[in-house]
Amino acid sequence: MVVEASGARVLLEPEVYPVLKGSRLDYGPALKPPRFRVLRNPNTPQKCPCGRSFGRPYPGRKSPQCQAYRPMPWDEP
């Protein structure tokens, strides 16, 4: 599925669209690597402060379940 706004084109898997519908995305060119991130998701009030996950209760700082401590694909050598 292709979503376009403000000159940006985002490709989404069809099953992701209902979860992100109405969300506010931001492109972070200073992030390593540059990427889109979800700033606001009206589909769930629950969001991890690390910003990597939403839709589940915040597991707590330094909890093994916190996404902030999981390596992302771009972190791997």
PDB file of N, CA and C in Angstrom:
ATOM      1  N   MET A   1       0.853  -1.167   0.000  1.00  0.00           N
ATOM      2  CA  MET A   1       0.000   0.000   0.000  1.00  0.00           C
ATOM      3  C   MET A   1       0.900   1.232   0.000  1.00  0.00           C
ATOM      4  N   VAL A   2       0.557   2.213  -0.804  1.00  0.00           N
ATOM      5  CA  VAL A   2       1.332   3.448  -0.906  1.00  0.00           C
ATOM      6  C   VAL A   2       0.515   4.583  -0.306  1.00  0.00           C
ATOM      7  N   VAL A   3       1.120   5.331   0.624  1.00  0.00           N
ATOM      8  CA  VAL A   3       0.497   6.495   1.238  1.00  0.00           C
ATOM      9  C   VAL A   3       1.386   7.684   0.909  1.00  0.00           C
ATOM     10  N   GLU A   4       0.790   8.760   0.387  1.00  0.00           N
ATOM     11  CA  GLU A   4       1.558   9.953   0.032  1.00  0.00           C
ATOM     12  C   GLU A   4       0.990  11.169   0.737  1.00  0.00           C
ATOM     13  N   ALA A   5       1.896  12.033   1.234  1.00  0.00           N
ATOM     14  CA  ALA A   5       1.507  13.291   1.864  1.00  0.00           C
ATOM     15  C   ALA A   5       2.720  14.211   1.898  1.00  0.00           C
ATOM     16  N   SER A   6       2.497  15.467   1.638  1.00  0.00           N
ATOM     17  CA  SER A   6       3.546  16.496   1.711  1.00  0.00           C
ATOM     18  C   SER A   6       4.795  16.114   0.928  1.00  0.00           C
ATOM     19  N   GLY A   7       4.618  15.488  -0.203  1.00  0.00           N
ATOM     20  CA  GLY A   7       5.745  15.133  -1.054  1.00  0.00           C
ATOM     21  C   GLY A   7       6.485  13.868  -0.651  1.00  0.00           C
ATOM     22  N   ALA A   8       6.013  13.194   0.373  1.00  0.00           N
ATOM     23  CA  ALA A   8       6.651  11.951   0.824  1.00  0.00           C
ATOM     24  C   ALA A   8       5.795  10.758   0.408  1.00  0.00           C
ATOM     25  N   ARG A   9       6.444   9.666   0.113  1.00  0.00           N
ATOM     26  CA  ARG A   9       5.755   8.426  -0.243  1.00  0.00           C
ATOM     27  C   ARG A   9       6.216   7.344   0.724  1.00  0.00           C
ATOM     28  N   VAL A  10       5.261   6.714   1.385  1.00  0.00           N
ATOM     29  CA  VAL A  10       5.557   5.656   2.345  1.00  0.00           C
ATOM     30  C   VAL A  10       4.888   4.376   1.860  1.00  0.00           C
ATOM     31  N   LEU A  11       5.644   3.300   1.826  1.00  0.00           N
ATOM     32  CA  LEU A  11       5.107   2.001   1.444  1.00  0.00           C
ATOM     33  C   LEU A  11       4.818   1.206   2.708  1.00  0.00           C
ATOM     34  N   LEU A  12       3.598   0.705   2.820  1.00  0.00           N
ATOM     35  CA  LEU A  12       3.174  -0.038   4.009  1.00  0.00           C
ATOM     36  C   LEU A  12       2.655  -1.411   3.611  1.00  0.00           C
ATOM     37  N   GLU A  13       2.929  -2.384   4.442  1.00  0.00           N
ATOM     38  CA  GLU A  13       2.273  -3.678   4.288  1.00  0.00           C
ATOM     39  C   GLU A  13       0.794  -3.451   4.579  1.00  0.00           C
ATOM     40  N   PRO A  14      -0.116  -4.088   3.843  1.00  0.00           N
ATOM     41  CA  PRO A  14      -1.552  -3.854   4.040  1.00  0.00           C
ATOM     42  C   PRO A  14      -2.027  -4.069   5.478  1.00  0.00           C
ATOM     43  N   GLU A  15      -1.453  -5.028   6.193  1.00  0.00           N
ATOM     44  CA  GLU A  15      -1.909  -5.280   7.567  1.00  0.00           C
ATOM     45  C   GLU A  15      -1.446  -4.206   8.549  1.00  0.00           C
ATOM     46  N   VAL A  16      -0.501  -3.370   8.159  1.00  0.00           N
ATOM     47  CA  VAL A  16       0.003  -2.304   9.036  1.00  0.00           C
ATOM     48  C   VAL A  16      -0.890  -1.060   8.964  1.00  0.00           C
ATOM     49  N   TYR A  17      -1.520  -0.844   7.827  1.00  0.00           N
ATOM     50  CA  TYR A  17      -2.297   0.373   7.620  1.00  0.00           C
ATOM     51  C   TYR A  17      -3.339   0.617   8.722  1.00  0.00           C
ATOM     52  N   PRO A  18      -4.162  -0.355   9.124  1.00  0.00           N
ATOM     53  CA  PRO A  18      -5.148  -0.078  10.185  1.00  0.00           C
ATOM     54  C   PRO A  18      -4.507   0.356  11.506  1.00  0.00           C
ATOM     55  N   VAL A  19      -3.308  -0.110  11.779  1.00  0.00           N
ATOM     56  CA  VAL A  19      -2.622   0.251  13.022  1.00  0.00           C
ATOM     57  C   VAL A  19      -2.091   1.679  12.956  1.00  0.00           C
ATOM     58  N   LEU A  20      -1.659   2.119  11.768  1.00  0.00           N
ATOM     59  CA  LEU A  20      -1.063   3.445  11.613  1.00  0.00           C
ATOM     60  C   LEU A  20      -2.021   4.505  11.065  1.00  0.00           C
ATOM     61  N   LYS A  21      -3.223   4.118  10.681  1.00  0.00           N
ATOM     62  CA  LYS A  21      -4.178   5.063  10.100  1.00  0.00           C
ATOM     63  C   LYS A  21      -4.393   6.249  11.035  1.00  0.00           C
ATOM     64  N   GLY A  22      -4.206   7.456  10.508  1.00  0.00           N
ATOM     65  CA  GLY A  22      -4.376   8.669  11.300  1.00  0.00           C
ATOM     66  C   GLY A  22      -3.157   9.068  12.101  1.00  0.00           C
ATOM     67  N   SER A  23      -2.095   8.307  12.037  1.00  0.00           N
ATOM     68  CA  SER A  23      -0.873   8.617  12.791  1.00  0.00           C
ATOM     69  C   SER A  23      -0.136   9.793  12.173  1.00  0.00           C
ATOM     70  N   ARG A  24       0.644  10.446  12.984  1.00  0.00           N
ATOM     71  CA  ARG A  24       1.515  11.512  12.495  1.00  0.00           C
ATOM     72  C   ARG A  24       2.919  10.945  12.400  1.00  0.00           C
ATOM     73  N   LEU A  25       3.454  10.960  11.196  1.00  0.00           N
ATOM     74  CA  LEU A  25       4.808  10.466  10.957  1.00  0.00           C
ATOM     75  C   LEU A  25       5.751  11.641  10.780  1.00  0.00           C
ATOM     76  N   ASP A  26       7.002  11.435  11.123  1.00  0.00           N
ATOM     77  CA  ASP A  26       8.044  12.430  10.928  1.00  0.00           C
ATOM     78  C   ASP A  26       9.241  11.742  10.313  1.00  0.00           C
ATOM     79  N   TYR A  27       9.913  12.449   9.440  1.00  0.00           N
ATOM     80  CA  TYR A  27      11.142  11.913   8.864  1.00  0.00           C
ATOM     81  C   TYR A  27      12.297  12.545   9.609  1.00  0.00           C
ATOM     82  N   GLY A  28      13.161  11.710  10.179  1.00  0.00           N
ATOM     83  CA  GLY A  28      14.308  12.193  10.941  1.00  0.00           C
ATOM     84  C   GLY A  28      15.592  12.061  10.146  1.00  0.00           C
ATOM     85  N   PRO A  29      15.983  13.096   9.377  1.00  0.00           N
ATOM     86  CA  PRO A  29      17.209  12.993   8.600  1.00  0.00           C
ATOM     87  C   PRO A  29      18.462  12.924   9.465  1.00  0.00           C
ATOM     88  N   ALA A  30      18.374  13.390  10.714  1.00  0.00           N
ATOM     89  CA  ALA A  30      19.545  13.355  11.596  1.00  0.00           C
ATOM     90  C   ALA A  30      19.657  12.026  12.337  1.00  0.00           C
ATOM     91  N   LEU A  31      18.621  11.195  12.268  1.00  0.00           N
ATOM     92  CA  LEU A  31      18.675   9.887  12.924  1.00  0.00           C
ATOM     93  C   LEU A  31      19.651   8.991  12.184  1.00  0.00           C
ATOM     94  N   LYS A  32      20.204   8.040  12.878  1.00  0.00           N
ATOM     95  CA  LYS A  32      21.133   7.092  12.262  1.00  0.00           C
ATOM     96  C   LYS A  32      20.514   5.722  12.231  1.00  0.00           C
ATOM     97  N   PRO A  33      20.120   5.194  11.105  1.00  0.00           N
ATOM     98  CA  PRO A  33      20.055   5.829   9.791  1.00  0.00           C
ATOM     99  C   PRO A  33      18.837   6.738   9.709  1.00  0.00           C
ATOM    100  N   PRO A  34      18.831   7.660   8.743  1.00  0.00           N
ATOM    101  CA  PRO A  34      17.641   8.500   8.551  1.00  0.00           C
ATOM    102  C   PRO A  34      16.424   7.609   8.311  1.00  0.00           C
ATOM    103  N   ARG A  35      15.295   7.938   8.954  1.00  0.00           N
ATOM    104  CA  ARG A  35      14.107   7.086   8.835  1.00  0.00           C
ATOM    105  C   ARG A  35      12.860   7.824   9.303  1.00  0.00           C
ATOM    106  N   PHE A  36      11.704   7.233   8.989  1.00  0.00           N
ATOM    107  CA  PHE A  36      10.438   7.735   9.495  1.00  0.00           C
ATOM    108  C   PHE A  36      10.233   7.223  10.912  1.00  0.00           C
ATOM    109  N   ARG A  37       9.520   8.008  11.706  1.00  0.00           N
ATOM    110  CA  ARG A  37       9.138   7.565  13.052  1.00  0.00           C
ATOM    111  C   ARG A  37       7.712   8.034  13.320  1.00  0.00           C
ATOM    112  N   VAL A  38       7.038   7.319  14.183  1.00  0.00           N
ATOM    113  CA  VAL A  38       5.653   7.648  14.538  1.00  0.00           C
ATOM    114  C   VAL A  38       5.686   8.606  15.714  1.00  0.00           C
ATOM    115  N   LEU A  39       5.134   9.813  15.521  1.00  0.00           N
ATOM    116  CA  LEU A  39       5.090  10.798  16.604  1.00  0.00           C
ATOM    117  C   LEU A  39       3.801  10.695  17.403  1.00  0.00           C
ATOM    118  N   ARG A  40       2.701  10.407  16.716  1.00  0.00           N
ATOM    119  CA  ARG A  40       1.402  10.323  17.391  1.00  0.00           C
ATOM    120  C   ARG A  40       0.591   9.248  16.703  1.00  0.00           C
ATOM    121  N   ASN A  41       0.050   8.351  17.489  1.00  0.00           N
ATOM    122  CA  ASN A  41      -0.797   7.294  16.944  1.00  0.00           C
ATOM    123  C   ASN A  41      -2.132   7.343  17.687  1.00  0.00           C
ATOM    124  N   PRO A  42      -3.204   7.801  17.012  1.00  0.00           N
ATOM    125  CA  PRO A  42      -4.497   7.913  17.682  1.00  0.00           C
ATOM    126  C   PRO A  42      -5.155   6.557  17.948  1.00  0.00           C
ATOM    127  N   ASN A  43      -4.578   5.494  17.424  1.00  0.00           N
ATOM    128  CA  ASN A  43      -5.171   4.170  17.595  1.00  0.00           C
ATOM    129  C   ASN A  43      -4.839   3.533  18.933  1.00  0.00           C
ATOM    130  N   THR A  44      -3.913   4.112  19.658  1.00  0.00           N
ATOM    131  CA  THR A  44      -3.560   3.577  20.969  1.00  0.00           C
ATOM    132  C   THR A  44      -3.012   4.684  21.859  1.00  0.00           C
ATOM    133  N   PRO A  45      -3.448   4.755  23.109  1.00  0.00           N
ATOM    134  CA  PRO A  45      -2.875   5.735  24.027  1.00  0.00           C
ATOM    135  C   PRO A  45      -1.552   5.241  24.626  1.00  0.00           C
ATOM    136  N   GLN A  46      -1.245   3.982  24.424  1.00  0.00           N
ATOM    137  CA  GLN A  46      -0.060   3.397  25.046  1.00  0.00           C
ATOM    138  C   GLN A  46       1.141   3.519  24.120  1.00  0.00           C
ATOM    139  N   LYS A  47       2.213   4.102  24.650  1.00  0.00           N
ATOM    140  CA  LYS A  47       3.432   4.277  23.868  1.00  0.00           C
ATOM    141  C   LYS A  47       4.626   4.192  24.804  1.00  0.00           C
ATOM    142  N   CYS A  48       5.623   3.482  24.360  1.00  0.00           N
ATOM    143  CA  CYS A  48       6.859   3.399  25.121  1.00  0.00           C
ATOM    144  C   CYS A  48       7.601   4.732  24.983  1.00  0.00           C
ATOM    145  N   PRO A  49       8.157   5.282  26.063  1.00  0.00           N
ATOM    146  CA  PRO A  49       8.894   6.541  25.960  1.00  0.00           C
ATOM    147  C   PRO A  49      10.053   6.500  24.959  1.00  0.00           C
ATOM    148  N   CYS A  50      10.558   5.327  24.670  1.00  0.00           N
ATOM    149  CA  CYS A  50      11.657   5.240  23.704  1.00  0.00           C
ATOM    150  C   CYS A  50      11.166   5.521  22.292  1.00  0.00           C
ATOM    151  N   GLY A  51       9.855   5.447  22.070  1.00  0.00           N
ATOM    152  CA  GLY A  51       9.288   5.735  20.765  1.00  0.00           C
ATOM    153  C   GLY A  51       9.409   4.602  19.765  1.00  0.00           C
ATOM    154  N   ARG A  52       9.963   3.477  20.160  1.00  0.00           N
ATOM    155  CA  ARG A  52      10.121   2.364  19.223  1.00  0.00           C
ATOM    156  C   ARG A  52       8.903   1.456  19.179  1.00  0.00           C
ATOM    157  N   SER A  53       8.054   1.524  20.181  1.00  0.00           N
ATOM    158  CA  SER A  53       6.906   0.626  20.183  1.00  0.00           C
ATOM    159  C   SER A  53       5.683   1.334  20.754  1.00  0.00           C
ATOM    160  N   PHE A  54       4.512   0.840  20.393  1.00  0.00           N
ATOM    161  CA  PHE A  54       3.266   1.370  20.921  1.00  0.00           C
ATOM    162  C   PHE A  54       2.243   0.253  20.914  1.00  0.00           C
ATOM    163  N   GLY A  55       1.156   0.479  21.651  1.00  0.00           N
ATOM    164  CA  GLY A  55       0.085  -0.511  21.692  1.00  0.00           C
ATOM    165  C   GLY A  55       0.166  -1.473  22.852  1.00  0.00           C
ATOM    166  N   ARG A  56       1.194  -1.342  23.654  1.00  0.00           N
ATOM    167  CA  ARG A  56       1.332  -2.181  24.843  1.00  0.00           C
ATOM    168  C   ARG A  56       1.713  -1.289  26.021  1.00  0.00           C
ATOM    169  N   PRO A  57       1.396  -1.706  27.234  1.00  0.00           N
ATOM    170  CA  PRO A  57       1.811  -0.911  28.390  1.00  0.00           C
ATOM    171  C   PRO A  57       3.335  -0.797  28.440  1.00  0.00           C
ATOM    172  N   TYR A  58       3.813   0.361  28.883  1.00  0.00           N
ATOM    173  CA  TYR A  58       5.250   0.583  29.036  1.00  0.00           C
ATOM    174  C   TYR A  58       5.798  -0.410  30.057  1.00  0.00           C
ATOM    175  N   PRO A  59       6.784  -1.230  29.668  1.00  0.00           N
ATOM    176  CA  PRO A  59       7.280  -2.271  30.566  1.00  0.00           C
ATOM    177  C   PRO A  59       8.177  -1.766  31.682  1.00  0.00           C
ATOM    178  N   GLY A  60       8.635  -0.531  31.590  1.00  0.00           N
ATOM    179  CA  GLY A  60       9.514   0.011  32.627  1.00  0.00           C
ATOM    180  C   GLY A  60      10.937   0.164  32.116  1.00  0.00           C
ATOM    181  N   ARG A  61      11.609   1.151  32.635  1.00  0.00           N
ATOM    182  CA  ARG A  61      12.973   1.456  32.206  1.00  0.00           C
ATOM    183  C   ARG A  61      13.894   0.268  32.434  1.00  0.00           C
ATOM    184  N   LYS A  62      14.685  -0.022  31.434  1.00  0.00           N
ATOM    185  CA  LYS A  62      15.669  -1.105  31.441  1.00  0.00           C
ATOM    186  C   LYS A  62      15.046  -2.487  31.586  1.00  0.00           C
ATOM    187  N   SER A  63      13.757  -2.565  31.353  1.00  0.00           N
ATOM    188  CA  SER A  63      13.092  -3.860  31.363  1.00  0.00           C
ATOM    189  C   SER A  63      13.512  -4.629  30.116  1.00  0.00           C
ATOM    190  N   PRO A  64      13.693  -5.935  30.194  1.00  0.00           N
ATOM    191  CA  PRO A  64      14.062  -6.699  28.989  1.00  0.00           C
ATOM    192  C   PRO A  64      13.015  -6.596  27.882  1.00  0.00           C
ATOM    193  N   GLN A  65      11.768  -6.266  28.241  1.00  0.00           N
ATOM    194  CA  GLN A  65      10.725  -6.147  27.230  1.00  0.00           C
ATOM    195  C   GLN A  65      10.735  -4.796  26.518  1.00  0.00           C
ATOM    196  N   CYS A  66      11.507  -3.839  27.011  1.00  0.00           N
ATOM    197  CA  CYS A  66      11.533  -2.506  26.408  1.00  0.00           C
ATOM    198  C   CYS A  66      12.260  -2.566  25.067  1.00  0.00           C
ATOM    199  N   GLN A  67      11.617  -2.029  24.037  1.00  0.00           N
ATOM    200  CA  GLN A  67      12.181  -2.040  22.688  1.00  0.00           C
ATOM    201  C   GLN A  67      13.449  -1.192  22.575  1.00  0.00           C
ATOM    202  N   ALA A  68      13.653  -0.245  23.495  1.00  0.00           N
ATOM    203  CA  ALA A  68      14.828   0.626  23.421  1.00  0.00           C
ATOM    204  C   ALA A  68      16.125  -0.166  23.552  1.00  0.00           C
ATOM    205  N   TYR A  69      16.041  -1.326  24.160  1.00  0.00           N
ATOM    206  CA  TYR A  69      17.257  -2.106  24.394  1.00  0.00           C
ATOM    207  C   TYR A  69      17.417  -3.258  23.410  1.00  0.00           C
ATOM    208  N   ARG A  70      16.507  -3.355  22.455  1.00  0.00           N
ATOM    209  CA  ARG A  70      16.622  -4.384  21.420  1.00  0.00           C
ATOM    210  C   ARG A  70      17.396  -3.813  20.241  1.00  0.00           C
ATOM    211  N   PRO A  71      18.320  -4.567  19.713  1.00  0.00           N
ATOM    212  CA  PRO A  71      19.011  -4.051  18.515  1.00  0.00           C
ATOM    213  C   PRO A  71      18.041  -3.986  17.338  1.00  0.00           C
ATOM    214  N   MET A  72      18.154  -2.927  16.579  1.00  0.00           N
ATOM    215  CA  MET A  72      17.360  -2.759  15.380  1.00  0.00           C
ATOM    216  C   MET A  72      18.185  -3.294  14.213  1.00  0.00           C
ATOM    217  N   PRO A  73      17.566  -3.578  13.081  1.00  0.00           N
ATOM    218  CA  PRO A  73      18.316  -4.146  11.952  1.00  0.00           C
ATOM    219  C   PRO A  73      19.526  -3.307  11.545  1.00  0.00           C
ATOM    220  N   TRP A  74      19.430  -1.982  11.669  1.00  0.00           N
ATOM    221  CA  TRP A  74      20.553  -1.130  11.278  1.00  0.00           C
ATOM    222  C   TRP A  74      21.647  -1.090  12.335  1.00  0.00           C
ATOM    223  N   ASP A  75      21.364  -1.601  13.551  1.00  0.00           N
ATOM    224  CA  ASP A  75      22.387  -1.650  14.603  1.00  0.00           C
ATOM    225  C   ASP A  75      23.310  -2.843  14.440  1.00  0.00           C
ATOM    226  N   GLU A  76      22.862  -3.834  13.689  1.00  0.00           N
ATOM    227  CA  GLU A  76      23.629  -5.066  13.536  1.00  0.00           C
ATOM    228  C   GLU A  76      24.794  -4.840  12.588  1.00  0.00           C
ATOM    229  N   PRO A  77      25.945  -5.449  12.875  1.00  0.00           N
ATOM    230  CA  PRO A  77      27.100  -5.259  11.985  1.00  0.00           C
ATOM    231  C   PRO A  77      26.926  -5.960  10.645  1.00  0.00           C
TER     232      PRO A  77
END
